[in-house]
C-alpha atoms as a PDB file:
ATOM      1  CA  MET A   1     -19.778   2.079 -27.497  1.00  0.00           C
ATOM      2  CA  THR A   2     -23.411   1.095 -28.718  1.00  0.00           C
ATOM      3  CA  ASN A   3     -26.790   0.521 -26.979  1.00  0.00           C
ATOM      4  CA  PRO A   4     -27.799  -2.673 -26.973  1.00  0.00           C
ATOM      5  CA  VAL A   5     -31.190  -4.053 -28.556  1.00  0.00           C
ATOM      6  CA  LYS A   6     -33.687  -4.934 -26.092  1.00  0.00           C
ATOM      7  CA  LEU A   7     -36.223  -7.503 -27.631  1.00  0.00           C
ATOM      8  CA  ILE A   8     -39.760  -6.891 -26.362  1.00  0.00           C
ATOM      9  CA  LEU A   9     -41.660 -10.328 -26.498  1.00  0.00           C
ATOM     10  CA  PRO A  10     -45.074  -9.578 -26.993  1.00  0.00           C
ATOM     11  CA  ASP A  11     -47.954 -10.915 -23.918  1.00  0.00           C
ATOM     12  CA  ILE A  12     -49.398 -14.113 -25.236  1.00  0.00           C
ATOM     13  CA  GLU A  13     -52.420 -13.307 -23.191  1.00  0.00           C
ATOM     14  CA  ILE A  14     -52.933  -9.854 -24.762  1.00  0.00           C
ATOM     15  CA  SER A  15     -52.304 -11.284 -28.203  1.00  0.00           C
ATOM     16  CA  ILE A  16     -55.199 -13.588 -27.286  1.00  0.00           C
ATOM     17  CA  ILE A  17     -57.542 -11.509 -25.640  1.00  0.00           C
ATOM     18  CA  LYS A  18     -57.069  -8.591 -29.001  1.00  0.00           C
ATOM     19  CA  ASP A  19     -57.307 -11.457 -31.756  1.00  0.00           C
ATOM     20  CA  THR A  20     -60.576 -12.793 -30.034  1.00  0.00           C
ATOM     21  CA  LEU A  21     -61.785  -9.193 -29.467  1.00  0.00           C
ATOM     22  CA  GLY A  22     -61.156  -8.550 -33.243  1.00  0.00           C
ATOM     23  CA  LEU A  23     -63.111 -11.970 -34.476  1.00  0.00           C
ATOM     24  CA  ILE A  24     -66.001 -10.972 -31.961  1.00  0.00           C
ATOM     25  CA  ALA A  25     -66.317  -7.496 -33.401  1.00  0.00           C
ATOM     26  CA  ARG A  26     -66.265  -8.744 -37.135  1.00  0.00           C
ATOM     27  CA  SER A  27     -69.059 -11.036 -35.796  1.00  0.00           C
ATOM     28  CA  GLY A  28     -71.473  -8.046 -34.879  1.00  0.00           C
ATOM     29  CA  ILE A  29     -71.090  -8.418 -31.212  1.00  0.00           C
ATOM     30  CA  LEU A  30     -70.085  -6.029 -28.659  1.00  0.00           C
ATOM     31  CA  ILE A  31     -68.426  -7.459 -25.754  1.00  0.00           C
ATOM     32  CA  SER A  32     -65.768  -5.635 -23.118  1.00  0.00           C
ATOM     33  CA  LEU A  33     -62.105  -6.404 -23.145  1.00  0.00           C
ATOM     34  CA  ILE A  34     -62.899  -7.238 -19.360  1.00  0.00           C
ATOM     35  CA  TRP A  35     -65.187 -10.208 -20.350  1.00  0.00           C
ATOM     36  CA  VAL A  36     -62.767 -11.371 -22.834  1.00  0.00           C
ATOM     37  CA  ALA A  37     -60.083 -11.541 -20.469  1.00  0.00           C
ATOM     38  CA  LYS A  38     -62.290 -13.282 -17.654  1.00  0.00           C
ATOM     39  CA  ILE A  39     -63.188 -15.841 -19.706  1.00  0.00           C
ATOM     40  CA  LEU A  40     -59.246 -16.456 -20.777  1.00  0.00           C
ATOM     41  CA  VAL A  41     -57.997 -16.431 -16.941  1.00  0.00           C
ATOM     42  CA  ALA A  42     -60.809 -19.117 -16.530  1.00  0.00           C
ATOM     43  CA  LEU A  43     -60.028 -21.102 -19.261  1.00  0.00           C
ATOM     44  CA  LYS A  44     -56.341 -21.307 -18.245  1.00  0.00           C
ATOM     45  CA  SER A  45     -57.407 -21.838 -14.410  1.00  0.00           C
ATOM     46  CA  LYS A  46     -59.092 -25.006 -16.001  1.00  0.00           C
ATOM     47  CA  PRO A  47     -58.783 -27.429 -18.784  1.00  0.00           C
ATOM     48  CA  LEU A  48     -62.527 -27.236 -19.410  1.00  0.00           C
ATOM     49  CA  MET A  49     -64.971 -24.873 -19.435  1.00  0.00           C
ATOM     50  CA  ILE A  50     -68.729 -24.902 -19.901  1.00  0.00           C
ATOM     51  CA  LEU A  51     -71.096 -22.190 -20.896  1.00  0.00           C
ATOM     52  CA  VAL A  52     -74.987 -22.474 -20.447  1.00  0.00           C
ATOM     53  CA  GLY A  53     -77.489 -19.961 -21.686  1.00  0.00           C
ATOM     54  CA  PRO A  54     -80.182 -19.396 -24.025  1.00  0.00           C
ATOM     55  CA  GLN A  55     -80.346 -20.734 -27.460  1.00  0.00           C
ATOM     56  CA  GLU A  56     -78.883 -18.341 -29.942  1.00  0.00           C
ATOM     57  CA  ALA A  57     -77.073 -16.144 -27.380  1.00  0.00           C
ATOM     58  CA  THR A  58     -74.034 -14.637 -27.991  1.00  0.00           C
ATOM     59  CA  LYS A  59     -72.281 -17.077 -25.752  1.00  0.00           C
ATOM     60  CA  GLU A  60     -71.790 -19.432 -29.343  1.00  0.00           C
ATOM     61  CA  ILE A  61     -70.100 -16.601 -31.327  1.00  0.00           C
ATOM     62  CA  LEU A  62     -68.270 -15.964 -28.211  1.00  0.00           C
ATOM     63  CA  ILE A  63     -66.884 -19.370 -27.515  1.00  0.00           C
ATOM     64  CA  LYS A  64     -66.317 -20.140 -31.491  1.00  0.00           C
ATOM     65  CA  ASN A  65     -64.164 -16.656 -31.239  1.00  0.00           C
ATOM     66  CA  PHE A  66     -62.106 -17.968 -28.833  1.00  0.00           C
ATOM     67  CA  PHE A  67     -62.249 -21.583 -30.420  1.00  0.00           C
ATOM     68  CA  ASP A  68     -60.688 -20.235 -33.528  1.00  0.00           C
ATOM     69  CA  THR A  69     -57.910 -18.134 -31.513  1.00  0.00           C
ATOM     70  CA  LEU A  70     -56.615 -20.845 -29.110  1.00  0.00           C
ATOM     71  CA  ILE A  71     -57.702 -24.204 -30.515  1.00  0.00           C
ATOM     72  CA  ASP A  72     -56.290 -23.638 -34.079  1.00  0.00           C
ATOM     73  CA  SER A  73     -59.235 -25.470 -35.446  1.00  0.00           C
ATOM     74  CA  ASP A  74     -58.684 -28.487 -33.406  1.00  0.00           C
ATOM     75  CA  HIS A  75     -62.359 -29.668 -33.572  1.00  0.00           C
ATOM     76  CA  TYR A  76     -61.699 -32.939 -30.954  1.00  0.00           C
ATOM     77  CA  ARG A  77     -61.199 -29.797 -28.546  1.00  0.00           C
ATOM     78  CA  TYR A  78     -63.943 -27.758 -29.152  1.00  0.00           C
ATOM     79  CA  GLN A  79     -67.391 -29.941 -29.468  1.00  0.00           C
ATOM     80  CA  THR A  80     -70.697 -27.840 -30.194  1.00  0.00           C
ATOM     81  CA  MET A  81     -73.278 -29.195 -27.324  1.00  0.00           C
ATOM     82  CA  MET A  82     -77.130 -29.958 -28.316  1.00  0.00           C
ATOM     83  CA  GLY A  83     -79.129 -28.026 -25.950  1.00  0.00           C
ATOM     84  CA  HIS A  84     -82.767 -28.596 -24.652  1.00  0.00           C
ATOM     85  CA  PRO A  85     -83.971 -31.236 -26.770  1.00  0.00           C
ATOM     86  CA  LEU A  86     -87.143 -29.109 -28.172  1.00  0.00           C
ATOM     87  CA  TRP A  87     -87.149 -30.804 -31.210  1.00  0.00           C
ATOM     88  CA  ALA A  88     -88.519 -33.516 -29.123  1.00  0.00           C
ATOM     89  CA  ASN A  89     -92.084 -32.343 -28.967  1.00  0.00           C
ATOM     90  CA  LYS A  90     -92.418 -33.533 -32.581  1.00  0.00           C
ATOM     91  CA  THR A  91     -92.028 -36.942 -32.061  1.00  0.00           C
ATOM     92  CA  ARG A  92     -94.205 -39.658 -30.747  1.00  0.00           C
ATOM     93  CA  ASP A  93     -92.336 -40.588 -27.758  1.00  0.00           C
ATOM     94  CA  VAL A  94     -90.998 -37.455 -26.040  1.00  0.00           C
ATOM     95  CA  ALA A  95     -89.420 -39.102 -22.684  1.00  0.00           C
ATOM     96  CA  SER A  96     -87.074 -41.590 -24.618  1.00  0.00           C
ATOM     97  CA  TYR A  97     -85.911 -38.967 -27.130  1.00  0.00           C
ATOM     98  CA  THR A  98     -85.343 -36.332 -24.213  1.00  0.00           C
ATOM     99  CA  MET A  99     -83.664 -39.173 -22.306  1.00  0.00           C
ATOM    100  CA  ALA A 100     -81.395 -40.056 -25.294  1.00  0.00           C
ATOM    101  CA  HIS A 101     -80.624 -36.615 -25.845  1.00  0.00           C
ATOM    102  CA  SER A 102     -79.526 -36.245 -22.425  1.00  0.00           C
ATOM    103  CA  ARG A 103     -77.370 -39.350 -22.201  1.00  0.00           C
ATOM    104  CA  PHE A 104     -75.667 -38.395 -25.542  1.00  0.00           C
ATOM    105  CA  ASN A 105     -74.879 -34.695 -24.150  1.00  0.00           C
ATOM    106  CA  THR A 106     -73.087 -36.687 -20.891  1.00  0.00           C
ATOM    107  CA  PHE A 107     -71.222 -39.138 -22.678  1.00  0.00           C
ATOM    108  CA  LYS A 108     -69.955 -36.320 -24.778  1.00  0.00           C
ATOM    109  CA  LEU A 109     -69.269 -34.184 -21.665  1.00  0.00           C
ATOM    110  CA  GLU A 110     -67.637 -37.400 -19.691  1.00  0.00           C
ATOM    111  CA  ALA A 111     -65.327 -37.898 -22.798  1.00  0.00           C
ATOM    112  CA  MET A 112     -64.173 -34.374 -23.389  1.00  0.00           C
ATOM    113  CA  ILE A 113     -63.670 -34.397 -19.025  1.00  0.00           C
ATOM    114  CA  GLU A 114     -61.667 -37.262 -19.496  1.00  0.00           C
ATOM    115  CA  GLU A 115     -59.276 -36.323 -22.362  1.00  0.00           C
ATOM    116  CA  ALA A 116     -58.985 -32.753 -20.463  1.00  0.00           C
ATOM    117  CA  GLY A 117     -57.539 -34.359 -17.363  1.00  0.00           C
ATOM    118  CA  LEU A 118     -54.896 -36.406 -19.224  1.00  0.00           C
ATOM    119  CA  LEU A 119     -51.463 -35.320 -18.521  1.00  0.00           C
ATOM    120  CA  ILE A 120     -50.699 -34.473 -21.940  1.00  0.00           C
ATOM    121  CA  ASN A 121     -53.109 -32.224 -22.509  1.00  0.00           C
ATOM    122  CA  ARG A 122     -52.571 -29.959 -19.151  1.00  0.00           C
ATOM    123  CA  ASP A 123     -51.705 -26.995 -21.266  1.00  0.00           C
ATOM    124  CA  ARG A 124     -54.354 -27.200 -23.578  1.00  0.00           C
ATOM    125  CA  PHE A 125     -58.130 -25.899 -23.957  1.00  0.00           C
ATOM    126  CA  PHE A 126     -61.495 -27.751 -24.223  1.00  0.00           C
ATOM    127  CA  LEU A 127     -64.443 -25.875 -25.259  1.00  0.00           C
ATOM    128  CA  PRO A 128     -67.794 -27.631 -25.137  1.00  0.00           C
ATOM    129  CA  ASN A 129     -70.423 -25.106 -25.909  1.00  0.00           C
END
């Protein structure tokens, strides 16, 4: 009598965390496994995640690496948002350009939220950065 072979399936969440940590490490950023796991848990509980923070922060690299791991280059589900309109200081009408910048981001977020809420997208991630 032979022993039956047990098929061990990889845990998809552990694979996602390891893959993301590998990409992040290649980007030169140190982040703990716990933080990557927390972000994954947050993404699994809600179809949309929005991160905010200072310009040129590590959040951009972190989310880009999650994007590469989770979304597999589906650019419709990953959108880079324009941050603070510092560029408007160099224009003649700072107030108008700042309001236009704000409306652009608002419309973009509303469109992503609407798309993320569709039933066909219930198992997909959407990442504005």
